[in-house]
Protein backbone atom coordinates (compact mmCIF):
# COMPACT_ATOMS: atom_id res chain seq x y z
CA MET A 1 -11.53 62.71 -11.32
CA ALA A 2 -9.38 62.17 -8.22
CA SER A 3 -11.17 59.07 -6.99
CA THR A 4 -11.66 57.63 -10.49
CA LEU A 5 -8.02 57.98 -11.52
CA SER A 6 -6.62 56.77 -8.19
CA ASP A 7 -9.00 53.76 -8.18
CA ARG A 8 -8.02 52.79 -11.73
CA LEU A 9 -4.30 53.17 -11.06
CA SER A 10 -4.39 51.30 -7.73
CA ARG A 11 -6.09 48.36 -9.48
CA LEU A 12 -3.41 48.49 -12.15
CA VAL A 13 -0.60 48.47 -9.56
CA LYS A 14 -2.10 45.34 -7.97
CA THR A 15 -2.45 43.48 -11.29
CA MET A 16 1.13 44.36 -12.28
CA ARG A 17 2.64 43.36 -8.92
CA GLY A 18 3.92 40.02 -10.19
CA GLN A 19 5.50 41.47 -13.35
CA ALA A 20 9.24 42.01 -13.38
CA ARG A 21 9.60 44.86 -15.86
CA ILE A 22 7.84 47.60 -17.82
CA THR A 23 6.75 46.46 -21.26
CA GLU A 24 4.83 47.92 -24.19
CA SER A 25 1.88 45.80 -23.12
CA ASN A 26 1.58 46.94 -19.50
CA VAL A 27 2.21 50.56 -20.51
CA GLN A 28 -0.75 50.27 -22.92
CA ASP A 29 -2.90 48.89 -20.08
CA MET A 30 -1.99 51.85 -17.89
CA LEU A 31 -2.56 54.40 -20.67
CA ARG A 32 -6.03 52.97 -21.32
CA GLU A 33 -7.00 53.39 -17.64
CA VAL A 34 -5.56 56.90 -17.44
CA ARG A 35 -7.19 57.98 -20.72
CA MET A 36 -10.62 56.78 -19.56
CA ALA A 37 -10.27 58.58 -16.20
CA LEU A 38 -9.22 61.86 -17.87
CA LEU A 39 -12.03 61.77 -20.42
CA GLU A 40 -14.56 61.01 -17.69
CA ALA A 41 -13.24 64.06 -15.83
CA ASP A 42 -14.02 66.24 -18.88
CA VAL A 43 -10.38 67.00 -19.68
CA ALA A 44 -10.12 68.47 -23.20
CA LEU A 45 -9.31 65.86 -25.86
CA PRO A 46 -6.21 67.68 -27.24
CA VAL A 47 -4.84 67.89 -23.68
CA VAL A 48 -5.50 64.17 -23.13
CA ARG A 49 -3.71 63.23 -26.39
CA ASP A 50 -0.66 65.35 -25.57
CA PHE A 51 -0.55 64.02 -22.00
CA MET A 52 -0.82 60.40 -23.16
CA ALA A 53 2.00 60.85 -25.69
CA ARG A 54 4.33 62.27 -23.03
CA VAL A 55 3.47 59.58 -20.49
CA LYS A 56 4.03 56.79 -23.03
CA GLU A 57 7.40 58.19 -24.07
CA LYS A 58 8.59 58.59 -20.46
CA ALA A 59 7.13 55.27 -19.26
CA LEU A 60 8.85 53.13 -21.91
CA GLY A 61 12.17 54.67 -20.95
CA THR A 62 11.69 54.18 -17.20
CA GLU A 63 13.87 51.76 -15.27
CA VAL A 64 12.30 49.90 -12.34
CA VAL A 65 14.64 50.47 -9.42
CA GLY A 66 14.86 49.47 -5.77
CA SER A 67 11.70 48.11 -4.17
CA LEU A 68 9.32 49.52 -6.80
CA ASN A 69 7.27 47.23 -9.00
CA PRO A 70 6.36 48.21 -12.61
CA GLY A 71 2.93 49.49 -11.53
CA GLN A 72 4.40 51.84 -8.94
CA ALA A 73 7.04 53.06 -11.38
CA LEU A 74 4.33 53.87 -13.96
CA VAL A 75 2.23 55.73 -11.36
CA GLY A 76 5.37 57.79 -10.64
CA VAL A 77 5.55 58.74 -14.33
CA VAL A 78 1.85 59.73 -14.36
CA HIS A 79 2.33 61.84 -11.21
CA LYS A 80 5.30 63.68 -12.71
CA GLU A 81 3.52 64.40 -16.00
CA LEU A 82 0.30 65.48 -14.23
CA ALA A 83 2.33 68.04 -12.28
CA ALA A 84 4.11 69.19 -15.47
CA THR A 85 0.75 69.61 -17.27
CA MET A 86 -0.61 71.82 -14.48
CA GLY A 87 2.60 73.86 -14.16
CA GLU A 88 5.90 73.62 -12.32
CA GLY A 89 6.21 74.83 -8.73
CA LEU A 90 4.45 77.80 -7.17
CA SER A 91 3.66 80.94 -9.15
CA ASP A 92 2.74 83.92 -6.96
CA LEU A 93 1.47 87.34 -8.01
CA ASN A 94 4.01 89.68 -9.56
CA LEU A 95 3.56 92.98 -7.72
CA ALA A 96 6.94 94.44 -8.75
CA THR A 97 5.65 97.78 -9.99
CA GLN A 98 5.12 101.28 -8.64
CA PRO A 99 2.10 101.13 -6.28
CA PRO A 100 -0.71 100.63 -6.63
CA ALA A 101 -0.30 97.31 -8.45
CA VAL A 102 -3.57 96.73 -10.32
CA VAL A 103 -4.99 93.20 -10.49
CA LEU A 104 -7.88 92.67 -12.92
CA MET A 105 -10.25 89.75 -12.21
CA ALA A 106 -11.87 88.27 -15.34
CA GLY A 107 -14.27 85.37 -15.92
CA LEU A 108 -17.86 84.34 -16.45
CA GLN A 109 -20.70 85.02 -14.03
CA GLY A 110 -20.97 82.31 -11.40
CA ALA A 111 -17.27 81.41 -11.46
CA GLY A 112 -16.78 83.09 -8.08
CA LYS A 113 -14.94 86.30 -9.10
CA THR A 114 -16.37 88.51 -6.34
CA THR A 115 -15.66 86.07 -3.50
CA THR A 116 -12.24 85.29 -4.97
CA THR A 117 -11.43 89.03 -5.08
CA ALA A 118 -12.01 89.25 -1.31
CA LYS A 119 -10.12 86.00 -0.65
CA LEU A 120 -7.18 87.35 -2.65
CA ALA A 121 -7.33 90.59 -0.66
CA LYS A 122 -7.07 88.60 2.59
CA HIS A 123 -4.17 86.57 1.15
CA LEU A 124 -2.27 89.74 0.19
CA ILE A 125 -2.89 91.35 3.58
CA GLU A 126 -1.84 88.33 5.62
CA LYS A 127 0.89 86.75 3.46
CA ARG A 128 2.36 89.77 1.66
CA LYS A 129 1.54 92.51 4.25
CA LYS A 130 -0.06 94.74 1.60
CA LYS A 131 -2.57 97.56 1.95
CA VAL A 132 -5.41 96.49 -0.36
CA LEU A 133 -8.32 98.33 -1.99
CA THR A 134 -11.13 96.54 -3.87
CA VAL A 135 -13.63 97.96 -6.35
CA SER A 136 -16.52 96.47 -8.32
CA ALA A 137 -16.92 97.42 -11.98
CA ASP A 138 -19.93 95.06 -12.28
CA VAL A 139 -22.84 97.45 -12.88
CA TYR A 140 -25.19 94.79 -14.30
CA ARG A 141 -25.67 92.10 -11.67
CA PRO A 142 -28.02 93.13 -8.86
CA ALA A 143 -26.24 93.49 -5.52
CA ALA A 144 -22.78 92.74 -7.01
CA ILE A 145 -21.35 95.96 -5.59
CA GLU A 146 -22.87 95.34 -2.13
CA GLN A 147 -21.63 91.75 -2.18
CA LEU A 148 -18.05 92.91 -2.76
CA LYS A 149 -18.44 95.49 0.03
CA THR A 150 -19.53 92.76 2.48
CA VAL A 151 -16.81 90.21 1.63
CA THR A 152 -14.12 92.91 1.50
CA ARG A 153 -15.01 93.90 5.06
CA GLN A 154 -14.71 90.24 6.10
CA ALA A 155 -11.27 90.09 4.47
CA GLY A 156 -10.04 93.16 6.36
CA ALA A 157 -9.40 95.19 3.19
CA GLU A 158 -10.85 98.56 2.11
CA TRP A 159 -13.64 98.97 -0.45
CA PHE A 160 -14.11 101.75 -2.99
CA ALA A 161 -17.75 102.74 -3.53
CA SER A 162 -19.34 102.52 -6.98
CA THR A 163 -22.93 102.67 -8.25
CA PRO A 164 -24.83 100.81 -11.04
CA ASP A 165 -25.45 104.06 -12.97
CA GLN A 166 -21.69 104.64 -13.51
CA LYS A 167 -19.66 103.41 -16.47
CA PRO A 168 -17.18 100.63 -15.64
CA GLU A 169 -14.22 102.61 -17.05
CA ASP A 170 -15.13 105.68 -14.95
CA ILE A 171 -15.36 103.49 -11.82
CA ALA A 172 -11.96 101.93 -12.53
CA ARG A 173 -10.22 105.28 -13.15
CA ALA A 174 -11.73 106.82 -9.99
CA ALA A 175 -10.65 103.81 -7.91
CA LEU A 176 -7.12 103.96 -9.33
CA ASP A 177 -6.89 107.67 -8.55
CA HIS A 178 -8.12 107.03 -4.98
CA ALA A 179 -5.61 104.18 -4.54
CA LYS A 180 -2.74 106.46 -5.64
CA ARG A 181 -3.78 109.34 -3.38
CA HIS A 182 -4.20 107.10 -0.31
CA TYR A 183 -1.04 105.02 -0.84
CA PHE A 184 -2.58 101.60 -1.41
CA ASP A 185 -0.20 98.84 -2.44
CA VAL A 186 -2.73 96.84 -4.48
CA LEU A 187 -6.01 97.60 -6.26
CA LEU A 188 -8.20 94.57 -7.00
CA VAL A 189 -10.79 95.19 -9.73
CA ASP A 190 -13.82 92.86 -9.85
CA THR A 191 -15.32 92.91 -13.36
CA ALA A 192 -18.73 91.99 -14.76
CA GLY A 193 -19.41 88.50 -16.06
CA ARG A 194 -22.05 86.98 -18.30
CA LEU A 195 -23.71 83.58 -18.30
CA ALA A 196 -22.04 83.02 -21.67
CA ILE A 197 -19.31 84.70 -23.71
CA ASP A 198 -20.50 87.64 -25.83
CA GLU A 199 -18.80 90.47 -27.70
CA ALA A 200 -20.13 93.18 -25.37
CA LEU A 201 -18.46 91.52 -22.38
CA MET A 202 -15.15 91.13 -24.18
CA ALA A 203 -15.18 94.70 -25.51
CA GLU A 204 -15.84 96.04 -22.00
CA ILE A 205 -13.07 94.07 -20.32
CA ARG A 206 -10.60 94.99 -23.09
CA ALA A 207 -11.42 98.66 -22.48
CA LEU A 208 -10.95 98.20 -18.72
CA HIS A 209 -7.59 96.55 -19.33
CA ALA A 210 -6.48 99.43 -21.56
CA ALA A 211 -7.58 102.02 -18.98
CA LEU A 212 -5.91 100.32 -15.99
CA ASN A 213 -2.85 98.65 -17.54
CA PRO A 214 -2.93 95.96 -14.80
CA VAL A 215 0.23 94.20 -13.66
CA GLU A 216 -1.81 90.97 -13.30
CA THR A 217 -4.87 89.82 -15.26
CA LEU A 218 -6.32 86.74 -13.59
CA PHE A 219 -8.79 84.42 -15.28
CA VAL A 220 -11.20 83.03 -12.65
CA VAL A 221 -12.74 79.70 -13.66
CA ASP A 222 -14.97 77.16 -11.95
CA ALA A 223 -13.02 73.88 -11.59
CA MET A 224 -16.28 71.93 -12.03
CA GLN A 225 -17.09 73.42 -15.45
CA GLY A 226 -15.37 70.67 -17.44
CA GLN A 227 -15.36 71.19 -21.22
CA ASP A 228 -17.09 74.59 -20.88
CA ALA A 229 -14.01 75.85 -19.04
CA ILE A 230 -11.95 75.20 -22.18
CA ASN A 231 -14.15 77.33 -24.44
CA THR A 232 -14.22 80.13 -21.86
CA ALA A 233 -10.44 79.98 -21.42
CA LYS A 234 -9.89 80.24 -25.20
CA ALA A 235 -12.17 83.29 -25.48
CA PHE A 236 -10.53 85.18 -22.60
CA ARG A 237 -7.03 84.26 -23.79
CA GLU A 238 -7.82 85.78 -27.20
CA ALA A 239 -9.35 88.93 -25.66
CA LEU A 240 -6.81 89.63 -22.90
CA PRO A 241 -3.11 89.15 -22.14
CA LEU A 242 -3.79 86.82 -19.20
CA THR A 243 -1.05 86.40 -16.60
CA GLY A 244 -2.57 83.68 -14.40
CA VAL A 245 -5.54 81.46 -13.57
CA VAL A 246 -7.53 81.08 -10.34
CA LEU A 247 -9.43 77.80 -10.03
CA THR A 248 -12.50 78.05 -7.79
CA LYS A 249 -14.53 75.23 -6.19
CA LEU A 250 -11.57 72.88 -6.29
CA ASP A 251 -13.11 71.12 -3.30
CA GLY A 252 -15.95 69.93 -5.57
CA ASP A 253 -16.30 66.52 -7.18
CA SER A 254 -14.26 67.09 -10.35
CA ARG A 255 -10.98 68.18 -8.71
CA GLY A 256 -8.76 67.99 -11.72
CA GLY A 257 -10.35 68.19 -15.16
CA ALA A 258 -10.27 71.98 -15.45
CA ALA A 259 -6.86 72.18 -13.76
CA LEU A 260 -5.35 69.96 -16.42
CA SER A 261 -7.06 71.68 -19.35
CA VAL A 262 -6.97 75.37 -18.47
CA ARG A 263 -3.21 75.54 -17.87
CA GLN A 264 -2.48 74.11 -21.31
CA ILE A 265 -5.15 76.10 -23.17
CA THR A 266 -4.24 79.51 -21.68
CA GLY A 267 -0.50 78.96 -21.52
CA VAL A 268 -0.34 80.83 -18.17
CA PRO A 269 0.23 79.36 -14.70
CA ILE A 270 -2.51 78.45 -12.24
CA LYS A 271 -1.69 80.84 -9.39
CA PHE A 272 -4.41 80.16 -6.83
CA ALA A 273 -7.06 77.59 -5.98
CA GLY A 274 -10.29 78.10 -4.05
CA VAL A 275 -10.45 75.19 -1.59
CA SER A 276 -13.44 76.20 0.57
CA GLU A 277 -16.19 78.80 0.78
CA LYS A 278 -14.60 80.51 3.79
CA ILE A 279 -12.88 83.87 3.32
CA ASP A 280 -9.48 82.26 3.98
CA GLY A 281 -10.23 79.37 1.60
CA LEU A 282 -7.71 80.40 -1.06
CA GLU A 283 -4.29 78.79 -1.35
CA ALA A 284 -1.33 79.18 -3.69
CA PHE A 285 -1.61 76.44 -6.32
CA ASP A 286 1.12 73.83 -6.15
CA ALA A 287 0.96 71.53 -9.19
CA GLU A 288 2.95 68.72 -7.60
CA ARG A 289 0.83 68.62 -4.47
CA HIS A 290 -2.39 68.79 -6.48
CA ALA A 291 -1.19 65.95 -8.71
CA GLY A 292 -0.67 63.91 -5.53
CA ARG A 293 -4.25 64.58 -4.46
CA VAL A 294 -5.57 63.65 -7.91
CA LEU A 295 -3.72 60.32 -7.68
CA GLY A 296 -5.10 59.62 -4.20
CA MET A 297 -1.79 60.27 -2.44
CA GLY A 298 -3.39 62.97 -0.32
CA ASP A 299 -1.85 66.31 0.59
CA ILE A 300 -0.20 65.89 3.97
CA LEU A 301 1.54 69.28 3.71
CA ALA A 302 -1.84 71.00 3.28
CA LEU A 303 -3.16 68.99 6.24
CA VAL A 304 -0.28 70.18 8.42
CA GLU A 305 -0.80 73.79 7.29
CA GLU A 306 -4.53 73.52 8.07
CA VAL A 307 -3.78 72.26 11.57
CA GLN A 308 -1.15 74.94 12.20
CA LYS A 309 -3.54 77.65 10.98
CA GLY A 310 -6.38 76.43 13.22
CA VAL A 311 -4.45 75.70 16.37
CA ASP A 312 -4.15 78.45 18.97
CA ILE A 313 -0.63 77.77 20.27
CA LYS A 314 -1.06 80.24 23.14
CA ALA A 315 -4.24 78.48 24.31
CA ALA A 316 -2.51 75.10 24.02
CA GLN A 317 0.39 76.35 26.14
CA GLN A 318 -2.00 77.75 28.76
CA LEU A 319 -3.77 74.40 28.96
CA ALA A 320 -0.44 72.60 29.29
CA ASP A 321 0.63 74.94 32.12
CA LYS A 322 -2.72 74.49 33.83
CA VAL A 323 -2.55 70.69 33.79
CA LYS A 324 1.11 70.64 34.85
CA SER A 325 0.31 72.87 37.84
CA GLY A 326 -2.30 70.34 38.98
CA SER A 327 -5.30 72.65 38.41
CA GLY A 328 -7.04 69.94 36.42
CA PHE A 329 -8.79 69.66 33.06
CA ASP A 330 -12.36 71.02 33.13
CA LEU A 331 -15.28 71.22 30.68
CA ASP A 332 -14.23 74.71 29.50
CA ASP A 333 -10.94 73.16 28.37
CA PHE A 334 -12.86 70.31 26.74
CA LYS A 335 -14.98 72.82 24.83
CA SER A 336 -11.91 74.74 23.69
CA GLN A 337 -10.61 71.55 22.04
CA ILE A 338 -13.91 71.24 20.12
CA THR A 339 -13.59 74.90 19.02
CA GLN A 340 -10.03 74.26 17.78
CA MET A 341 -11.28 71.46 15.55
CA LYS A 342 -14.11 73.60 14.16
CA LYS A 343 -11.56 76.31 13.25
CA MET A 344 -9.80 73.76 11.05
CA GLY A 345 -12.99 73.21 9.03
CA GLY A 346 -14.17 70.11 10.91
CA LEU A 347 -13.40 66.46 10.30
CA SER A 348 -14.53 66.34 6.65
CA SER A 349 -12.17 69.19 5.67
CA LEU A 350 -9.19 67.34 7.17
CA LEU A 351 -10.35 64.04 5.67
CA ASP A 352 -10.16 65.46 2.14
CA LYS A 353 -6.39 65.89 2.48
CA LEU A 354 -5.65 62.34 3.61
CA PRO A 355 -4.33 59.71 1.18
CA SER A 356 -7.27 57.90 -0.43
CA GLN A 357 -6.72 54.61 1.43
CA LEU A 358 -6.73 56.32 4.84
CA ALA A 359 -9.66 58.51 3.80
CA ALA A 360 -11.65 55.44 2.75
CA GLN A 361 -11.03 53.83 6.16
CA ALA A 362 -12.05 57.03 7.96
CA GLN A 363 -15.17 57.36 5.78
CA GLY A 364 -16.32 54.08 7.26
CA ALA A 365 -16.43 55.86 10.62
CA ASP A 366 -19.39 57.99 9.41
CA MET A 367 -17.95 61.51 9.38
CA ASP A 368 -21.37 63.19 9.17
CA ARG A 369 -22.43 61.53 12.39
CA ALA A 370 -19.13 62.47 14.04
CA GLU A 371 -19.61 66.11 13.01
CA ARG A 372 -23.14 66.08 14.46
CA ASP A 373 -21.81 64.56 17.69
CA VAL A 374 -19.25 67.36 17.99
CA ARG A 375 -21.93 70.05 17.54
CA ARG A 376 -24.21 68.29 20.05
CA MET A 377 -21.42 68.13 22.63
CA GLU A 378 -20.74 71.82 22.23
CA GLY A 379 -24.46 72.56 22.74
CA ILE A 380 -24.55 70.48 25.92
CA ILE A 381 -21.52 72.25 27.42
CA ASN A 382 -23.05 75.65 26.50
CA SER A 383 -26.16 74.69 28.51
CA MET A 384 -24.11 74.33 31.69
CA THR A 385 -23.39 77.12 34.16
CA PRO A 386 -19.80 78.40 34.50
CA LEU A 387 -19.61 76.68 37.90
CA GLU A 388 -20.74 73.33 36.44
CA ARG A 389 -18.10 73.57 33.73
CA ARG A 390 -15.39 74.21 36.31
CA LYS A 391 -16.69 71.51 38.69
CA PRO A 392 -18.36 68.72 36.65
CA GLU A 393 -18.67 66.60 39.83
CA LEU A 394 -21.61 68.88 40.83
CA ILE A 395 -23.69 67.65 37.88
CA LYS A 396 -26.18 65.19 39.40
CA ALA A 397 -29.60 63.99 38.19
CA SER A 398 -31.58 67.26 38.47
CA ARG A 399 -28.81 69.29 36.84
CA LYS A 400 -28.50 66.72 34.05
CA ARG A 401 -32.23 67.05 33.30
CA ARG A 402 -31.94 70.86 33.15
CA ILE A 403 -28.83 70.72 30.92
CA ALA A 404 -30.47 68.17 28.59
CA ALA A 405 -33.60 70.33 28.25
CA GLY A 406 -31.48 73.41 27.51
CA ALA A 407 -29.50 71.63 24.81
CA GLY A 408 -32.53 69.84 23.34
CA VAL A 409 -31.11 66.35 23.93
CA HIS A 410 -31.85 63.30 26.09
CA VAL A 411 -30.24 62.88 29.51
CA GLN A 412 -28.33 59.87 28.08
CA GLU A 413 -26.48 62.29 25.76
CA VAL A 414 -25.36 64.35 28.78
CA ASN A 415 -24.17 61.15 30.49
CA ARG A 416 -22.25 60.13 27.35
CA LEU A 417 -20.49 63.50 27.18
CA LEU A 418 -19.55 63.34 30.88
CA ASN A 419 -18.14 59.83 30.38
CA GLN A 420 -16.03 61.00 27.42
CA PHE A 421 -14.88 63.99 29.44
CA GLU A 422 -13.84 61.72 32.33
CA GLN A 423 -11.81 59.56 29.93
CA MET A 424 -9.98 62.61 28.61
CA GLN A 425 -9.55 63.98 32.15
CA GLY A 426 -7.90 60.69 33.12
CA MET A 427 -5.57 60.97 30.14
CA MET A 428 -4.65 64.51 31.20
CA LYS A 429 -3.78 63.35 34.71
CA LYS A 430 -1.37 60.83 33.19
CA MET A 431 0.23 63.64 31.18
CA LYS A 432 0.76 65.79 34.27
CA GLY A 433 4.40 64.72 34.43
CA GLY A 434 5.33 67.11 31.61
CA GLY A 435 4.57 65.22 28.42
CA LEU A 436 1.38 67.09 27.55
CA MET A 437 2.89 69.67 25.18
CA LYS A 438 4.71 66.94 23.27
CA MET A 439 1.48 65.05 22.83
CA MET A 440 -0.42 68.17 21.77
CA LYS A 441 2.24 69.08 19.20
CA ARG A 442 2.00 65.60 17.74
CA MET A 443 -1.78 65.86 17.52
CA GLY A 444 -1.97 69.45 16.28
CA GLY A 445 -2.97 70.96 19.61
CA MET A 446 -5.88 68.57 20.24
CA PRO A 447 -5.59 65.91 22.94
CA GLY A 448 -8.40 64.06 21.20
CA LEU A 449 -11.15 64.43 18.62
CA PRO A 450 -14.41 64.61 20.56
CA GLY A 451 -17.29 62.87 18.83
CA MET A 452 -15.10 60.53 16.76
CA PRO A 453 -16.33 56.92 17.00
CA ARG A 454 -13.94 54.75 18.99
């Protein structure tokens, strides 16, 4: 949806560049393009109709001011209404209750409930400083309980044991009792799902809700489901008093259809979005920022946050001090820069948050090849001895052959890495005068992106 809608609107802006004002005619042209993009993205028809009516009403009353042309003014209207359709501002979890606050996770099988439960646990531990307990009430899916145990450990939370021969209500009550006795702040309850909606599933989750009286009931839905997400949302809304939605797999191809539909169908805010498969790949959903991404404006704030999260400021300061003291920049330092970039999810993860025009230019640089180059460089450095990494000038022909064999590459690849290292070493020498930290802050802690085509 993101690329389709942004492509259609950018074409429209270009064709309307010579027009002086907004008219009924050019508004109709824009609405046609937007309608087609939304329908192609599997947005529910009632949602599309309502959205179109609001955009038309606002667009016809819009004044073109300053340096904007009519096309840009109309895109501004679409952006504002997209954000309004998906919800206003941020909507975090409401944990204002006597501990433990119970959060019930609902949704179909395959939507990502179990992984999302662990991601939410990590979010609550790191962002809200809560003591979190998780429990699985899914006694039907093989290995569901063990899966939650594994991902909970990764998240740094605690897990309450349950077995497939227990009843879901008994599991939930025992977990709640344990959470009370051990002073947990939050209890996250992962529930069973089905491949399709059935009465047994709904009866079970209603009974769980009655037994636990959760402060939050979150509907977990796959952002790539399209129209199916609407039917699922309706069924869960009728069965449960939902308080929020979690969109998973928002980094997939659709990126928008479910976000637009689910908010309007359920009538509750989208609280979180799954943006990667990693355990920290959950972020608070910001409708305005997501609308910007859908329209190809990128999400520069998310990009900055990603960089800040991945950069080790202490390591960057140590490197700055080392270079300023004249100790020099060695291959261990070079490798640490590669590791910093990998922590941020690699080049493709950062690329996704760029505005579409910049992303399209960067795509031409062959990101897959750049990622492979980065991994290859790391392998070559790992094949060197600690002494060779500290003193690269020792690496002559025989050492190059040994390093190449250890890394599974040709000697030419070792030569290429050493040449790139020398270029960066030269840049570091120029920065010795004290400007290194400024440069690193500007570039997110990385003096360069190794492996990027030049």
